N, C-alpha and C. Protein backbone atom coordinates (compact mmCIF):
# COMPACT_ATOMS: atom_id res chain seq x y z
N MET A 1 -10.85 13.10 -13.47
CA MET A 1 -12.07 12.66 -14.11
C MET A 1 -12.06 13.02 -15.59
N PHE A 2 -11.48 14.18 -15.91
CA PHE A 2 -11.46 14.61 -17.31
C PHE A 2 -10.60 13.69 -18.15
N GLU A 3 -9.53 13.13 -17.58
CA GLU A 3 -8.67 12.24 -18.35
C GLU A 3 -9.40 10.95 -18.69
N ALA A 4 -10.13 10.37 -17.74
CA ALA A 4 -10.92 9.17 -18.04
C ALA A 4 -11.98 9.50 -19.07
N MET A 5 -12.55 10.69 -18.94
CA MET A 5 -13.57 11.11 -19.91
C MET A 5 -12.95 11.23 -21.29
N GLY A 6 -11.75 11.83 -21.38
CA GLY A 6 -11.10 11.99 -22.66
C GLY A 6 -10.62 10.66 -23.23
N PHE A 7 -10.07 9.80 -22.36
CA PHE A 7 -9.55 8.51 -22.82
C PHE A 7 -10.67 7.63 -23.35
N PHE A 8 -11.77 7.58 -22.64
CA PHE A 8 -12.87 6.72 -23.05
C PHE A 8 -13.90 7.46 -23.90
N GLY A 9 -13.73 8.76 -24.10
CA GLY A 9 -14.65 9.53 -24.93
C GLY A 9 -16.04 9.62 -24.34
N VAL A 10 -16.13 9.87 -23.05
CA VAL A 10 -17.42 9.93 -22.37
C VAL A 10 -17.55 11.25 -21.62
N GLY A 11 -18.76 11.53 -21.13
CA GLY A 11 -19.02 12.73 -20.35
C GLY A 11 -18.67 12.54 -18.89
N LYS A 12 -18.85 13.61 -18.10
CA LYS A 12 -18.46 13.59 -16.69
C LYS A 12 -19.17 12.52 -15.87
N PRO A 13 -20.50 12.35 -15.99
CA PRO A 13 -21.15 11.30 -15.18
C PRO A 13 -20.60 9.90 -15.50
N MET A 14 -20.38 9.63 -16.78
CA MET A 14 -19.84 8.32 -17.15
C MET A 14 -18.39 8.19 -16.70
N GLY A 15 -17.60 9.27 -16.79
CA GLY A 15 -16.22 9.24 -16.30
C GLY A 15 -16.16 8.94 -14.82
N GLU A 16 -17.06 9.56 -14.05
CA GLU A 16 -17.12 9.29 -12.61
C GLU A 16 -17.50 7.84 -12.35
N ALA A 17 -18.44 7.31 -13.14
CA ALA A 17 -18.85 5.92 -12.97
C ALA A 17 -17.70 4.97 -13.28
N ILE A 18 -16.94 5.26 -14.35
CA ILE A 18 -15.80 4.42 -14.71
C ILE A 18 -14.77 4.42 -13.58
N VAL A 19 -14.47 5.59 -13.04
CA VAL A 19 -13.48 5.67 -11.95
C VAL A 19 -13.99 4.93 -10.72
N ASP A 20 -15.27 5.03 -10.41
CA ASP A 20 -15.83 4.31 -9.27
C ASP A 20 -15.71 2.79 -9.46
N VAL A 21 -15.98 2.32 -10.67
CA VAL A 21 -15.86 0.88 -10.94
C VAL A 21 -14.41 0.44 -10.84
N VAL A 22 -13.51 1.23 -11.42
CA VAL A 22 -12.08 0.89 -11.35
C VAL A 22 -11.62 0.90 -9.90
N ASP A 23 -12.11 1.83 -9.12
CA ASP A 23 -11.74 1.91 -7.71
C ASP A 23 -12.16 0.65 -6.96
N SER A 24 -13.31 0.10 -7.29
CA SER A 24 -13.80 -1.05 -6.54
C SER A 24 -13.30 -2.39 -7.08
N VAL A 25 -13.20 -2.55 -8.39
CA VAL A 25 -12.82 -3.85 -8.95
C VAL A 25 -11.73 -3.75 -10.01
N GLY A 26 -10.86 -2.76 -9.90
CA GLY A 26 -9.87 -2.50 -10.94
C GLY A 26 -9.00 -3.68 -11.31
N TYR A 27 -8.43 -4.36 -10.32
CA TYR A 27 -7.52 -5.45 -10.63
C TYR A 27 -8.26 -6.67 -11.17
N GLY A 28 -9.53 -6.81 -10.86
CA GLY A 28 -10.35 -7.86 -11.46
C GLY A 28 -10.54 -7.63 -12.95
N ILE A 29 -10.66 -6.36 -13.34
CA ILE A 29 -10.80 -6.02 -14.76
C ILE A 29 -9.50 -6.37 -15.49
N ILE A 30 -8.37 -6.11 -14.86
CA ILE A 30 -7.07 -6.45 -15.47
C ILE A 30 -6.96 -7.96 -15.66
N ALA A 31 -7.37 -8.72 -14.65
CA ALA A 31 -7.33 -10.18 -14.76
C ALA A 31 -8.22 -10.66 -15.89
N ALA A 32 -9.42 -10.09 -15.99
CA ALA A 32 -10.35 -10.49 -17.05
C ALA A 32 -9.80 -10.14 -18.43
N SER A 33 -9.18 -8.97 -18.57
CA SER A 33 -8.63 -8.59 -19.87
C SER A 33 -7.45 -9.47 -20.25
N THR A 34 -6.66 -9.89 -19.26
CA THR A 34 -5.54 -10.79 -19.53
C THR A 34 -6.05 -12.15 -19.97
N ILE A 35 -7.06 -12.66 -19.30
CA ILE A 35 -7.66 -13.95 -19.67
C ILE A 35 -8.25 -13.86 -21.07
N ALA A 36 -8.92 -12.75 -21.39
CA ALA A 36 -9.50 -12.58 -22.73
C ALA A 36 -8.41 -12.56 -23.79
N ALA A 37 -7.29 -11.93 -23.50
CA ALA A 37 -6.18 -11.90 -24.46
C ALA A 37 -5.61 -13.30 -24.68
N ILE A 38 -5.53 -14.09 -23.63
CA ILE A 38 -5.01 -15.45 -23.75
C ILE A 38 -5.98 -16.32 -24.53
N ILE A 39 -7.27 -16.24 -24.20
CA ILE A 39 -8.28 -17.05 -24.87
C ILE A 39 -8.36 -16.71 -26.36
N SER A 40 -8.20 -15.45 -26.69
CA SER A 40 -8.30 -15.03 -28.09
C SER A 40 -6.99 -15.25 -28.85
N ALA A 41 -6.04 -15.92 -28.25
CA ALA A 41 -4.74 -16.20 -28.86
C ALA A 41 -4.04 -14.92 -29.28
N GLY A 42 -4.15 -13.90 -28.46
CA GLY A 42 -3.47 -12.64 -28.73
C GLY A 42 -4.28 -11.65 -29.53
N GLY A 43 -5.44 -12.05 -30.00
CA GLY A 43 -6.27 -11.16 -30.81
C GLY A 43 -6.74 -9.93 -30.05
N LEU A 44 -6.90 -10.07 -28.77
CA LEU A 44 -7.35 -8.94 -27.94
C LEU A 44 -6.21 -8.34 -27.12
N SER A 45 -4.98 -8.70 -27.44
CA SER A 45 -3.86 -8.26 -26.59
C SER A 45 -3.68 -6.74 -26.59
N ILE A 46 -3.88 -6.09 -27.73
CA ILE A 46 -3.73 -4.63 -27.77
C ILE A 46 -4.82 -3.97 -26.95
N ALA A 47 -6.05 -4.44 -27.11
CA ALA A 47 -7.15 -3.88 -26.32
C ALA A 47 -6.93 -4.14 -24.84
N ALA A 48 -6.46 -5.34 -24.50
CA ALA A 48 -6.22 -5.68 -23.10
C ALA A 48 -5.12 -4.79 -22.52
N ALA A 49 -4.07 -4.56 -23.28
CA ALA A 49 -2.98 -3.70 -22.80
C ALA A 49 -3.46 -2.27 -22.60
N THR A 50 -4.30 -1.80 -23.51
CA THR A 50 -4.85 -0.44 -23.38
C THR A 50 -5.69 -0.31 -22.13
N VAL A 51 -6.54 -1.29 -21.89
CA VAL A 51 -7.38 -1.28 -20.69
C VAL A 51 -6.50 -1.36 -19.44
N ASP A 52 -5.48 -2.21 -19.47
CA ASP A 52 -4.60 -2.35 -18.31
C ASP A 52 -3.90 -1.04 -17.97
N VAL A 53 -3.40 -0.35 -18.98
CA VAL A 53 -2.74 0.94 -18.74
C VAL A 53 -3.71 1.94 -18.14
N ALA A 54 -4.93 1.97 -18.67
CA ALA A 54 -5.94 2.89 -18.14
C ALA A 54 -6.25 2.57 -16.68
N ILE A 55 -6.39 1.28 -16.36
CA ILE A 55 -6.70 0.86 -14.99
C ILE A 55 -5.56 1.24 -14.05
N PHE A 56 -4.31 0.92 -14.44
CA PHE A 56 -3.17 1.25 -13.59
C PHE A 56 -3.07 2.75 -13.36
N THR A 57 -3.29 3.54 -14.41
CA THR A 57 -3.19 4.99 -14.28
C THR A 57 -4.27 5.52 -13.34
N ILE A 58 -5.49 5.06 -13.51
CA ILE A 58 -6.59 5.51 -12.65
C ILE A 58 -6.34 5.08 -11.20
N LYS A 59 -5.86 3.83 -11.00
CA LYS A 59 -5.58 3.35 -9.64
C LYS A 59 -4.48 4.18 -8.98
N GLU A 60 -3.46 4.60 -9.75
CA GLU A 60 -2.40 5.44 -9.19
C GLU A 60 -2.95 6.80 -8.75
N TYR A 61 -3.81 7.39 -9.57
CA TYR A 61 -4.43 8.66 -9.18
C TYR A 61 -5.25 8.49 -7.90
N ILE A 62 -6.01 7.40 -7.82
CA ILE A 62 -6.85 7.17 -6.65
C ILE A 62 -5.97 6.96 -5.42
N LYS A 63 -4.85 6.23 -5.58
CA LYS A 63 -3.94 5.98 -4.46
C LYS A 63 -3.37 7.28 -3.92
N LYS A 64 -3.18 8.26 -4.78
CA LYS A 64 -2.64 9.56 -4.38
C LYS A 64 -3.73 10.54 -3.97
N ASP A 65 -4.95 10.04 -3.74
CA ASP A 65 -6.10 10.88 -3.38
C ASP A 65 -6.38 11.94 -4.45
N MET A 66 -6.25 11.55 -5.69
CA MET A 66 -6.49 12.46 -6.81
C MET A 66 -7.60 11.90 -7.69
N LYS A 67 -8.75 11.56 -7.07
CA LYS A 67 -9.84 10.95 -7.81
C LYS A 67 -10.34 11.85 -8.93
N ALA A 68 -10.40 13.15 -8.68
CA ALA A 68 -10.85 14.08 -9.72
C ALA A 68 -9.89 14.06 -10.90
N ALA A 69 -8.60 13.96 -10.64
CA ALA A 69 -7.62 13.88 -11.72
C ALA A 69 -7.77 12.58 -12.50
N ALA A 70 -8.15 11.51 -11.82
CA ALA A 70 -8.37 10.23 -12.51
C ALA A 70 -9.53 10.34 -13.48
N VAL A 71 -10.58 11.00 -13.06
CA VAL A 71 -11.73 11.16 -13.94
C VAL A 71 -11.35 12.03 -15.12
N VAL A 72 -10.51 13.03 -14.87
CA VAL A 72 -10.06 13.92 -15.95
C VAL A 72 -9.21 13.15 -16.94
N TRP A 73 -8.35 12.25 -16.46
CA TRP A 73 -7.46 11.51 -17.34
C TRP A 73 -8.26 10.61 -18.25
C-alpha cells in the first residue's frame, strides 16, 4: 500500500482505494490508457506507459497475496 501511496503521492486511504480499483478493473484501465495513447497520436504514450507499469506491478503484488505491499508500492 505504501508503494502505491508513494507512486501516486497519496495517503493510505487513497492508496487502498487505488489498489482496490486496480484489483477489480486493472486490465480495463490498461486498455483505456492504450486507447488514449493511440487517439492522442502518442501524446499520452508516456503517461499511458507509466500507468500500465503501475497497474502490472500492483496486479503482481495482489496475485502473490501481497495487497499491503501493493498499497505501499
